[in-house]
Amino acid sequence: MAKFFEGESHTFSEYLLVPGYSSAENIPANVSLKTPLVKFKRGEKSAIELNIPMVSAVMQSVSGPRLAIALAQQGGIAFIYGSQSAEDEAQMVREVKSYKAGFVVSDSTLTPEMTLGDVLDLKEKSGHSTMPVTDDGTSRGKLVGIVTSRDYRPSRDDRSKLVSEFMTPADKLITAPEDTSLKEANDIIWDNKLNALPIVDKNGHLVSLVFRKDYDSHKSAPDELLDDSKRYMVGAGINTRDYETRVPLLVEAGADVLCIDSSEGYSEWQKRTLEWVRATYGDSVKIGAGNVVDAEGFRFLAKAGADFIKIGIGGGSICITREQKGIGRGQATSVIDVARARDEYFEETGVYIPICSDGGIVYDYHMTLALAMGSDFMMLGRYFARFDESPSDRVIVNGSYMKEYWGEGSARARNWQRYDLGGNKRGLSFVEGVDSYVPYAGPLKDGVEASLLKVKSTMCNCGALDIPELRDKAKITLVSSTSIVEGGAHDVLLKDSNQQVSYNFRS
């Protein structure tokens, strides 16, 4: 006889927070979003604490080096995608760990033989208006010039015009040597009224760029997530097949934490992976596991040695696991159940294992609900895929800027190793994810700050100044479908044509 769970399976959209008493201290500026990333014993602190409760999903279309740096600057951590060779993933980790704040390695490099049309196309995809020109078109080639938006007129210049004809040549540029400090570089920029300063080695090869606009942004990043050597922290995804070769390369590259990327975590394959990591590295390597949706799955991975546990099956915006297989559970119900199991496990053992809500976040207020229901942090895919820093291309669809976004279970990703059904090489022969677009949302910094301001404001409405206090004080209520409609703009015609609303006029 099948086991039937009591109650219904609910999503975040079916809940609201009821306001609590707010004192004069309950203002967003006083709210702390610090939260543990990995397990710890009672009376101790977590070895890694996030400054914001956000991590990026282990996805090709989300977590590359550029996004990892931008997220670490805000206080979160990215998990570099594992659906690539172990060597390439390790190199991405090294790129993040070796990044010097303010020194940008260009990902929009030109050659003299390219055309204005190429420049405009690249600007469209990357959003970058300043592009170095090197002899071979690589970010470490010999610098031969630079192109900015002031060097051409898109409406009048011929798209076939060569870069060599309108670039500012290297001999006309102010550059700085490789050993220049960030302070020295910024002084050169300000003294010479530059927007960008190329850093070159002794042979004239491009090393990096320092931008005027990055000076203020670096100064305004008090929540940067740094390791003991003042390097940005970064995570990396692994699978349950080649971990014996992949994990050593990632550890050597400097990955601060690992995460098993799998469609379902309640399996012998994850247990084997966790046991191998513990036998090989002890507790020095931090590793998360998942995904699970109930207390049984949590306890299984907790006993197997997971440092954090991810919750959620089928709730992602590009995931069709529930549609394909009928496997999963409403995300809100899953979080509530697993959070209860985490607290019980802590009382029994004195070991606190953080839990991560992965999937189901559609609106910013869902983040606050996930935290109030017990999540220590959230893993986000679609949310981060929208930003400039994600690895996917920016394109125009129906007249609007969009970013490409595809699931790891899609045919495009071909990430079959995340399906642990029998351990065969290829895995499944059907997809569990789709290839899609998401609305372009600009820089990560602006988006994250706006979202977290809402989270902090809502926490203040609940009378909470940190995440543990939110869990204690939050009052959560189920809502009807009618009250969900009532909660948005309704019965009006919005003046801004870019806003969309269901017109449900009453007679």
Protein backbone atom coordinates (compact mmCIF):
# COMPACT_ATOMS: atom_id res chain seq x y z
CA MET A 1 0.00 0.00 0.00
CA ALA A 2 1.42 3.38 -1.00
CA LYS A 3 2.23 5.88 1.76
CA PHE A 4 -0.02 8.95 1.60
CA PHE A 5 1.24 12.22 3.06
CA GLU A 6 -1.24 14.08 5.21
CA GLY A 7 -2.32 17.51 4.07
CA GLU A 8 -1.85 19.22 0.74
CA SER A 9 1.25 20.20 -1.20
CA HIS A 10 1.62 23.98 -1.30
CA THR A 11 3.71 26.55 -3.15
CA PHE A 12 5.05 29.88 -1.85
CA SER A 13 2.34 31.78 -3.75
CA GLU A 14 -0.30 30.18 -1.52
CA TYR A 15 1.04 31.88 1.64
CA LEU A 16 1.33 35.38 3.05
CA LEU A 17 3.07 36.78 6.11
CA VAL A 18 0.87 38.42 8.74
CA PRO A 19 2.40 41.63 10.16
CA GLY A 20 3.77 41.59 13.68
CA TYR A 21 4.74 44.35 16.10
CA SER A 22 7.51 46.60 14.73
CA SER A 23 9.59 48.63 17.15
CA ALA A 24 11.51 51.79 16.26
CA GLU A 25 14.56 49.55 15.78
CA ASN A 26 12.87 47.66 12.95
CA ILE A 27 14.27 49.51 9.97
CA PRO A 28 16.00 47.86 6.97
CA ALA A 29 19.36 49.42 7.82
CA ASN A 30 19.42 47.43 11.08
CA VAL A 31 18.60 44.05 9.50
CA SER A 32 21.33 41.40 9.21
CA LEU A 33 21.00 38.71 6.54
CA LYS A 34 24.02 36.68 7.68
CA THR A 35 23.35 32.97 7.54
CA PRO A 36 25.36 29.72 7.85
CA LEU A 37 26.31 27.88 4.66
CA VAL A 38 27.74 24.69 6.18
CA LYS A 39 27.03 22.59 9.26
CA PHE A 40 28.34 23.34 12.72
CA LYS A 41 28.05 22.04 16.27
CA ARG A 42 26.03 23.64 19.04
CA GLY A 43 27.94 26.56 20.54
CA GLU A 44 30.20 26.94 17.49
CA LYS A 45 30.01 29.02 14.32
CA SER A 46 29.69 27.79 10.78
CA ALA A 47 33.03 27.61 8.95
CA ILE A 48 31.43 29.57 6.08
CA GLU A 49 28.81 32.23 6.68
CA LEU A 50 27.03 34.02 3.85
CA ASN A 51 26.39 37.74 4.19
CA ILE A 52 23.23 37.41 2.12
CA PRO A 53 21.05 34.27 1.87
CA MET A 54 21.62 33.77 -1.86
CA VAL A 55 23.59 31.21 -3.86
CA SER A 56 23.46 30.65 -7.61
CA ALA A 57 22.31 27.45 -9.23
CA VAL A 58 24.73 24.89 -10.66
CA MET A 59 23.75 25.70 -14.25
CA GLN A 60 25.47 26.44 -17.55
CA SER A 61 23.25 29.45 -18.17
CA VAL A 62 23.77 30.89 -14.69
CA SER A 63 27.03 30.27 -12.87
CA GLY A 64 30.19 31.30 -14.70
CA PRO A 65 33.21 33.16 -13.27
CA ARG A 66 31.82 36.62 -13.97
CA LEU A 67 28.61 35.97 -12.06
CA ALA A 68 30.56 34.26 -9.27
CA ILE A 69 32.65 37.39 -8.77
CA ALA A 70 29.64 39.71 -8.88
CA LEU A 71 27.69 37.58 -6.39
CA ALA A 72 30.64 37.30 -4.00
CA GLN A 73 30.91 41.09 -4.09
CA GLN A 74 27.35 41.25 -2.78
CA GLY A 75 27.94 38.64 -0.06
CA GLY A 76 26.61 35.45 -1.65
CA ILE A 77 28.29 32.54 -3.39
CA ALA A 78 28.02 30.97 -6.83
CA PHE A 79 28.40 27.29 -7.68
CA ILE A 80 30.31 26.98 -10.96
CA TYR A 81 28.47 24.52 -13.21
CA GLY A 82 29.85 20.99 -13.38
CA SER A 83 28.46 19.97 -16.79
CA GLN A 84 31.83 20.57 -18.43
CA SER A 85 35.23 18.93 -18.19
CA ALA A 86 36.77 18.82 -14.72
CA GLU A 87 39.75 20.77 -16.05
CA ASP A 88 37.59 23.57 -17.47
CA GLU A 89 35.56 23.82 -14.27
CA ALA A 90 38.73 24.00 -12.19
CA GLN A 91 40.02 26.80 -14.44
CA MET A 92 36.82 28.77 -13.83
CA VAL A 93 37.33 28.37 -10.09
CA ARG A 94 40.92 29.62 -10.45
CA GLU A 95 39.68 32.62 -12.40
CA VAL A 96 37.45 33.63 -9.50
CA LYS A 97 40.06 32.95 -6.83
CA SER A 98 42.77 34.88 -8.70
CA TYR A 99 40.54 37.84 -9.49
CA LYS A 100 41.83 41.11 -8.15
CA ALA A 101 38.94 43.38 -7.29
CA GLY A 102 38.80 46.21 -9.79
CA PHE A 103 40.97 44.45 -12.39
CA VAL A 104 38.66 43.09 -15.09
CA VAL A 105 39.65 40.41 -17.60
CA SER A 106 37.82 41.32 -20.80
CA ASP A 107 35.30 38.90 -22.27
CA SER A 108 34.60 41.25 -25.21
CA THR A 109 37.91 41.46 -27.06
CA LEU A 110 38.25 42.51 -30.71
CA THR A 111 40.79 42.10 -33.51
CA PRO A 112 41.76 44.88 -35.97
CA GLU A 113 40.20 42.89 -38.82
CA MET A 114 36.74 42.80 -37.27
CA THR A 115 34.09 45.25 -38.44
CA LEU A 116 31.82 47.83 -36.89
CA GLY A 117 29.03 45.32 -37.42
CA ASP A 118 30.93 42.84 -35.23
CA VAL A 119 31.39 45.51 -32.57
CA LEU A 120 27.69 46.36 -32.51
CA ASP A 121 26.70 42.69 -32.39
CA LEU A 122 29.10 42.04 -29.49
CA LYS A 123 27.87 45.13 -27.67
CA GLU A 124 24.32 43.89 -28.11
CA LYS A 125 25.18 40.53 -26.55
CA SER A 126 27.47 41.67 -23.74
CA GLY A 127 26.25 45.17 -22.98
CA HIS A 128 29.86 46.39 -23.00
CA SER A 129 30.70 49.67 -24.72
CA THR A 130 34.46 49.58 -24.07
CA MET A 131 36.33 46.77 -25.84
CA PRO A 132 40.09 46.20 -26.06
CA VAL A 133 41.62 45.25 -29.41
CA THR A 134 44.40 42.63 -29.41
CA ASP A 135 46.41 41.06 -32.19
CA ASP A 136 44.75 37.67 -31.77
CA GLY A 137 41.40 38.65 -30.25
CA THR A 138 42.12 37.01 -26.89
CA SER A 139 42.05 38.66 -23.47
CA ARG A 140 45.83 38.13 -23.13
CA GLY A 141 46.86 39.05 -26.67
CA LYS A 142 49.12 41.99 -27.54
CA LEU A 143 47.20 45.24 -27.06
CA VAL A 144 46.86 47.14 -30.35
CA GLY A 145 44.02 49.52 -29.47
CA ILE A 146 40.72 50.11 -27.76
CA VAL A 147 37.19 50.86 -28.97
CA THR A 148 34.59 52.88 -27.06
CA SER A 149 31.15 54.14 -28.06
CA ARG A 150 32.73 57.51 -28.82
CA ASP A 151 34.74 56.04 -31.70
CA TYR A 152 31.81 55.42 -34.06
CA ARG A 153 28.30 56.55 -34.99
CA PRO A 154 26.04 53.52 -35.46
CA SER A 155 23.44 55.45 -37.41
CA ARG A 156 25.89 56.88 -39.96
CA ASP A 157 29.02 54.73 -40.14
CA ASP A 158 29.22 51.75 -42.50
CA ARG A 159 28.90 48.45 -40.63
CA SER A 160 31.65 47.01 -42.84
CA LYS A 161 34.16 49.58 -41.56
CA LEU A 162 37.20 47.82 -40.05
CA VAL A 163 38.02 48.16 -36.33
CA SER A 164 41.54 49.25 -37.31
CA GLU A 165 40.03 52.32 -39.00
CA PHE A 166 38.22 53.75 -35.98
CA MET A 167 39.90 52.30 -32.86
CA THR A 168 42.21 54.37 -30.69
CA PRO A 169 45.63 52.76 -31.35
CA ALA A 170 47.77 51.49 -28.50
CA ASP A 171 50.44 54.17 -28.97
CA LYS A 172 47.80 56.82 -28.24
CA LEU A 173 46.60 55.10 -25.06
CA ILE A 174 47.63 55.62 -21.48
CA THR A 175 48.42 52.20 -20.01
CA ALA A 176 49.87 50.91 -16.75
CA PRO A 177 52.30 48.06 -15.98
CA GLU A 178 51.25 44.70 -14.57
CA ASP A 179 52.39 45.44 -11.01
CA THR A 180 50.19 48.55 -10.71
CA SER A 181 48.08 48.56 -7.55
CA LEU A 182 44.38 49.35 -7.67
CA LYS A 183 44.95 52.63 -5.87
CA GLU A 184 47.62 53.63 -8.39
CA ALA A 185 45.38 52.63 -11.28
CA ASN A 186 42.50 54.71 -9.93
CA ASP A 187 44.82 57.69 -9.45
CA ILE A 188 45.92 57.42 -13.11
CA ILE A 189 42.26 57.22 -14.21
CA TRP A 190 41.25 60.29 -12.22
CA ASP A 191 44.36 62.37 -13.03
CA ASN A 192 43.95 61.74 -16.76
CA LYS A 193 40.12 61.80 -16.87
CA LEU A 194 39.94 58.28 -18.31
CA ASN A 195 37.01 55.90 -18.35
CA ALA A 196 39.21 52.80 -18.62
CA LEU A 197 42.87 51.98 -18.06
CA PRO A 198 44.49 48.97 -19.79
CA ILE A 199 46.98 47.02 -17.67
CA VAL A 200 49.74 45.45 -19.80
CA ASP A 201 52.76 43.24 -19.16
CA LYS A 202 56.34 44.06 -20.17
CA ASN A 203 55.74 42.68 -23.68
CA GLY A 204 52.66 44.81 -24.26
CA HIS A 205 50.17 41.98 -23.77
CA LEU A 206 46.84 42.87 -22.20
CA VAL A 207 46.44 41.70 -18.60
CA SER A 208 43.24 43.41 -17.50
CA LEU A 209 41.26 46.65 -17.51
CA VAL A 210 40.43 49.02 -14.68
CA PHE A 211 37.24 51.06 -15.12
CA ARG A 212 36.33 54.37 -13.55
CA LYS A 213 32.81 53.09 -12.80
CA ASP A 214 34.18 50.17 -10.76
CA TYR A 215 35.91 52.43 -8.24
CA ASP A 216 32.74 53.52 -6.49
CA SER A 217 31.14 50.08 -6.76
CA HIS A 218 34.14 48.48 -5.02
CA LYS A 219 33.93 51.05 -2.23
CA SER A 220 30.24 50.32 -1.81
CA ALA A 221 30.56 46.56 -1.30
CA PRO A 222 30.85 46.14 2.48
CA ASP A 223 29.33 42.66 2.38
CA GLU A 224 31.95 41.05 0.08
CA LEU A 225 32.35 37.34 0.79
CA LEU A 226 36.10 36.76 1.20
CA ASP A 227 38.27 33.87 2.36
CA ASP A 228 41.14 34.15 4.84
CA SER A 229 43.42 35.36 2.03
CA LYS A 230 41.01 38.13 1.02
CA ARG A 231 40.00 36.29 -2.18
CA TYR A 232 36.42 35.98 -3.33
CA MET A 233 34.74 32.76 -2.25
CA VAL A 234 33.32 30.40 -4.85
CA GLY A 235 31.62 27.00 -4.93
CA ALA A 236 31.62 24.27 -7.57
CA GLY A 237 29.17 21.60 -8.66
CA ILE A 238 30.10 17.93 -8.90
CA ASN A 239 28.29 14.76 -9.97
CA THR A 240 28.19 11.24 -8.54
CA ARG A 241 30.13 9.68 -11.41
CA ASP A 242 33.58 11.26 -11.85
CA TYR A 243 34.03 12.71 -8.35
CA GLU A 244 37.28 10.82 -7.75
CA THR A 245 38.96 12.85 -10.50
CA ARG A 246 36.89 16.06 -10.39
CA VAL A 247 36.99 16.80 -6.67
CA PRO A 248 40.81 16.84 -6.35
CA LEU A 249 41.09 19.27 -9.26
CA LEU A 250 38.48 21.60 -7.76
CA VAL A 251 40.05 21.47 -4.31
CA GLU A 252 43.48 22.22 -5.78
CA ALA A 253 41.98 25.15 -7.72
CA GLY A 254 40.71 26.64 -4.47
CA ALA A 255 36.96 25.89 -4.44
CA ASP A 256 35.63 26.85 -1.00
CA VAL A 257 32.63 24.51 -1.08
CA LEU A 258 31.25 21.79 -3.34
CA CYS A 259 27.69 20.78 -4.15
CA ILE A 260 26.42 17.53 -5.62
CA ASP A 261 24.30 18.47 -8.62
CA SER A 262 21.60 15.86 -9.01
CA SER A 263 17.92 15.70 -9.86
CA GLU A 264 17.20 13.69 -6.70
CA GLY A 265 19.38 13.27 -3.62
CA TYR A 266 17.82 10.40 -1.69
CA SER A 267 20.06 7.82 -3.36
CA GLU A 268 22.94 5.43 -2.76
CA TRP A 269 24.97 7.35 -5.37
CA GLN A 270 25.02 10.49 -3.25
CA LYS A 271 25.82 8.48 -0.14
CA ARG A 272 28.81 6.92 -1.92
CA THR A 273 30.02 10.34 -3.07
CA LEU A 274 29.76 11.88 0.40
CA GLU A 275 31.49 8.90 2.02
CA TRP A 276 34.37 9.12 -0.48
CA VAL A 277 34.85 12.83 0.21
CA ARG A 278 34.85 12.26 3.96
CA ALA A 279 37.27 9.30 3.69
CA THR A 280 39.61 11.29 1.45
CA TYR A 281 39.47 14.78 2.98
CA GLY A 282 37.79 14.44 6.36
CA ASP A 283 35.86 17.59 7.25
CA SER A 284 38.26 19.94 5.46
CA VAL A 285 36.25 19.83 2.24
CA LYS A 286 32.76 21.26 2.59
CA ILE A 287 30.09 19.63 0.43
CA GLY A 288 26.35 20.02 0.08
CA ALA A 289 23.93 17.41 -1.23
CA GLY A 290 20.36 17.04 -2.47
CA ASN A 291 17.75 17.53 -3.59
CA VAL A 292 15.17 16.13 -1.16
CA VAL A 293 11.59 17.08 -0.30
CA ASP A 294 10.88 15.42 3.04
CA ALA A 295 12.28 14.51 6.46
CA GLU A 296 13.38 11.03 5.36
CA GLY A 297 15.53 12.45 2.59
CA PHE A 298 17.05 15.03 4.94
CA ARG A 299 18.02 12.48 7.58
CA PHE A 300 19.52 10.20 4.94
CA LEU A 301 21.86 12.89 3.64
CA ALA A 302 22.58 14.25 7.13
CA LYS A 303 23.80 10.83 8.28
CA ALA A 304 25.78 10.41 5.04
CA GLY A 305 27.82 13.52 5.91
CA ALA A 306 26.33 16.45 3.96
CA ASP A 307 27.39 19.96 5.06
CA PHE A 308 24.16 21.48 3.76
CA ILE A 309 21.08 19.98 2.14
CA LYS A 310 19.09 21.32 -0.80
CA ILE A 311 15.31 21.11 -0.94
CA GLY A 312 13.13 20.95 -4.03
CA ILE A 313 12.21 18.70 -6.94
CA GLY A 314 10.41 20.04 -9.98
CA GLY A 315 9.85 23.60 -8.70
CA GLY A 316 12.31 25.39 -10.98
CA SER A 317 10.93 27.59 -13.74
CA ILE A 318 12.64 25.51 -16.46
CA CYS A 319 12.18 22.14 -14.75
CA ILE A 320 9.53 19.73 -16.08
CA THR A 321 10.32 16.77 -13.81
CA ARG A 322 6.84 16.77 -12.28
CA GLU A 323 5.27 16.96 -15.73
CA GLN A 324 7.46 14.17 -17.11
CA LYS A 325 7.61 11.81 -14.14
CA GLY A 326 5.04 12.86 -11.56
CA ILE A 327 7.82 13.18 -8.97
CA GLY A 328 8.08 16.13 -6.58
CA ARG A 329 6.29 18.14 -3.95
CA GLY A 330 5.12 21.73 -3.49
CA GLN A 331 8.15 23.83 -2.54
CA ALA A 332 6.66 25.55 0.49
CA THR A 333 5.47 22.26 1.98
CA SER A 334 8.87 20.69 1.32
CA VAL A 335 10.71 23.53 3.08
CA ILE A 336 8.43 23.41 6.12
CA ASP A 337 8.80 19.63 6.46
CA VAL A 338 12.58 19.58 6.03
CA ALA A 339 13.09 22.58 8.33
CA ARG A 340 11.23 20.73 11.05
CA ALA A 341 13.47 17.69 10.49
CA ARG A 342 16.60 19.87 10.63
CA ASP A 343 15.55 21.35 13.98
CA GLU A 344 14.74 17.91 15.40
CA TYR A 345 18.09 16.58 14.19
CA PHE A 346 19.84 19.53 15.86
CA GLU A 347 18.10 18.83 19.15
CA GLU A 348 19.05 15.15 18.97
CA THR A 349 22.67 15.47 17.83
CA GLY A 350 23.80 19.03 18.51
CA VAL A 351 24.72 19.38 14.84
CA TYR A 352 23.02 22.08 12.82
CA ILE A 353 22.83 21.35 9.07
CA PRO A 354 21.72 24.38 7.00
CA ILE A 355 19.03 23.82 4.42
CA CYS A 356 18.70 25.51 1.04
CA SER A 357 15.44 26.12 -0.80
CA ASP A 358 16.17 25.37 -4.46
CA GLY A 359 13.40 26.34 -6.90
CA GLY A 360 9.94 27.85 -6.69
CA ILE A 361 11.06 31.46 -6.12
CA VAL A 362 8.96 33.51 -8.54
CA TYR A 363 8.55 36.83 -6.71
CA ASP A 364 10.88 38.59 -4.30
CA TYR A 365 8.50 38.06 -1.39
CA HIS A 366 8.88 34.30 -1.90
CA MET A 367 12.45 34.73 -0.62
CA THR A 368 11.18 36.09 2.69
CA LEU A 369 8.64 33.29 2.92
CA ALA A 370 11.34 30.67 2.28
CA LEU A 371 13.45 32.13 5.09
CA ALA A 372 10.48 32.41 7.45
CA MET A 373 9.55 28.79 6.76
CA GLY A 374 13.01 27.63 7.77
CA SER A 375 15.43 27.92 4.85
CA ASP A 376 18.88 29.17 5.75
CA PHE A 377 19.46 30.38 2.19
CA MET A 378 18.05 30.05 -1.34
CA MET A 379 19.57 28.66 -4.54
CA LEU A 380 18.38 30.70 -7.51
CA GLY A 381 18.62 30.00 -11.23
CA ARG A 382 16.14 32.06 -13.25
CA TYR A 383 16.70 35.00 -10.92
CA PHE A 384 20.44 35.21 -11.69
CA ALA A 385 20.15 34.20 -15.36
CA ARG A 386 18.54 37.58 -16.08
CA PHE A 387 21.58 39.66 -15.17
CA ASP A 388 24.47 41.00 -17.25
CA GLU A 389 26.93 38.71 -15.51
CA SER A 390 25.30 35.38 -16.39
CA PRO A 391 27.10 33.42 -19.15
CA SER A 392 24.20 33.40 -21.61
CA ASP A 393 23.68 35.80 -24.52
CA ARG A 394 21.46 38.85 -24.40
CA VAL A 395 19.09 38.84 -27.37
CA ILE A 396 16.06 40.75 -28.66
CA VAL A 397 12.78 38.83 -28.66
CA ASN A 398 9.62 40.58 -29.86
CA GLY A 399 11.31 43.95 -29.41
CA SER A 400 12.46 43.34 -25.81
CA TYR A 401 15.85 42.45 -24.38
CA MET A 402 15.96 38.91 -23.06
CA LYS A 403 18.60 36.49 -21.75
CA GLU A 404 18.79 32.85 -22.79
CA TYR A 405 18.06 30.39 -19.98
CA TRP A 406 18.09 26.61 -20.22
CA GLY A 407 17.83 23.85 -17.65
CA GLU A 408 20.51 21.32 -16.83
CA GLY A 409 17.92 18.67 -17.62
CA SER A 410 17.36 20.08 -21.12
CA ALA A 411 18.65 18.64 -24.39
CA ARG A 412 20.80 21.75 -24.80
CA ALA A 413 22.69 21.20 -21.53
CA ARG A 414 23.09 17.46 -22.08
CA ASN A 415 23.88 17.13 -18.38
CA TRP A 416 22.88 13.49 -18.19
CA GLN A 417 25.29 12.73 -15.31
CA ARG A 418 22.94 14.44 -12.85
CA TYR A 419 20.44 11.57 -13.26
CA ASP A 420 21.48 8.77 -10.94
CA LEU A 421 19.40 5.87 -12.11
CA GLY A 422 21.71 2.90 -12.43
CA GLY A 423 24.97 4.71 -12.84
CA ASN A 424 25.12 4.27 -16.60
CA LYS A 425 27.20 6.73 -18.57
CA ARG A 426 24.49 8.60 -20.43
CA GLY A 427 21.68 8.55 -17.94
CA LEU A 428 18.17 9.32 -19.14
CA SER A 429 16.96 9.42 -22.71
CA PHE A 430 14.27 12.06 -22.12
CA VAL A 431 14.53 15.65 -20.97
CA GLU A 432 13.46 17.16 -17.65
CA GLY A 433 14.15 20.78 -18.53
CA VAL A 434 13.43 23.33 -21.24
CA ASP A 435 15.35 25.93 -23.29
CA SER A 436 13.87 29.40 -22.79
CA TYR A 437 14.27 33.17 -22.43
CA VAL A 438 13.96 35.37 -19.34
CA PRO A 439 13.56 39.17 -19.27
CA TYR A 440 16.91 40.97 -19.14
CA ALA A 441 17.37 42.71 -15.77
CA GLY A 442 20.65 44.65 -15.99
CA PRO A 443 23.53 44.42 -13.46
CA LEU A 444 23.40 41.83 -10.69
CA LYS A 445 24.26 44.39 -8.02
CA ASP A 446 21.21 46.55 -8.75
CA GLY A 447 18.85 43.57 -8.87
CA VAL A 448 20.11 41.93 -5.68
CA GLU A 449 20.06 45.18 -3.72
CA ALA A 450 16.46 45.87 -4.79
CA SER A 451 15.30 42.34 -3.92
CA LEU A 452 16.99 42.26 -0.53
CA LEU A 453 15.64 45.67 0.40
CA LYS A 454 12.17 44.14 0.03
CA VAL A 455 13.22 41.15 2.16
CA LYS A 456 14.59 43.41 4.89
CA SER A 457 11.52 45.63 4.81
CA THR A 458 9.21 42.63 5.18
CA MET A 459 11.31 41.29 8.04
CA CYS A 460 10.84 44.63 9.79
CA ASN A 461 7.07 44.29 9.31
CA CYS A 462 7.37 40.99 11.16
CA GLY A 463 9.43 42.57 13.95
CA ALA A 464 12.63 40.67 13.01
CA LEU A 465 16.18 41.97 12.65
CA ASP A 466 17.82 38.72 11.57
CA ILE A 467 16.86 35.42 9.97
CA PRO A 468 16.57 33.32 13.19
CA GLU A 469 14.31 35.99 14.69
CA LEU A 470 12.19 35.97 11.53
CA ARG A 471 11.63 32.22 11.94
CA ASP A 472 10.59 32.71 15.56
CA LYS A 473 8.26 35.66 14.99
CA ALA A 474 6.83 35.03 11.53
CA LYS A 475 3.09 34.43 11.34
CA ILE A 476 2.21 32.66 8.10
CA THR A 477 -1.25 32.21 6.65
CA LEU A 478 -2.63 30.23 3.73
CA VAL A 479 -4.48 32.33 1.17
CA SER A 480 -7.28 31.59 -1.25
CA SER A 481 -7.04 32.01 -5.01
CA THR A 482 -9.31 35.05 -4.75
CA SER A 483 -7.08 36.76 -2.20
CA ILE A 484 -4.07 36.17 -4.45
CA VAL A 485 -5.85 38.20 -7.15
CA GLU A 486 -6.76 40.81 -4.54
CA GLY A 487 -3.09 41.14 -3.58
CA GLY A 488 -2.05 42.58 -6.94
CA ALA A 489 -3.23 45.53 -8.99
CA HIS A 490 -6.83 44.82 -9.97
CA ASP A 491 -9.95 46.57 -11.20
CA VAL A 492 -7.88 49.36 -12.76
CA LEU A 493 -6.33 50.10 -16.13
CA LEU A 494 -2.65 50.83 -15.61
CA LYS A 495 -1.26 53.94 -17.27
CA ASP A 496 2.14 52.39 -17.97
CA SER A 497 1.69 50.21 -21.04
CA ASN A 498 4.76 48.16 -20.10
CA GLN A 499 2.98 46.82 -17.02
CA GLN A 500 0.73 43.84 -17.38
CA VAL A 501 -2.30 43.11 -15.24
CA SER A 502 -5.41 40.95 -15.46
CA TYR A 503 -8.39 43.19 -16.00
CA ASN A 504 -11.13 41.72 -13.86
CA PHE A 505 -13.61 44.60 -13.80
CA ARG A 506 -16.57 44.25 -11.51
CA SER A 507 -19.94 45.38 -12.80
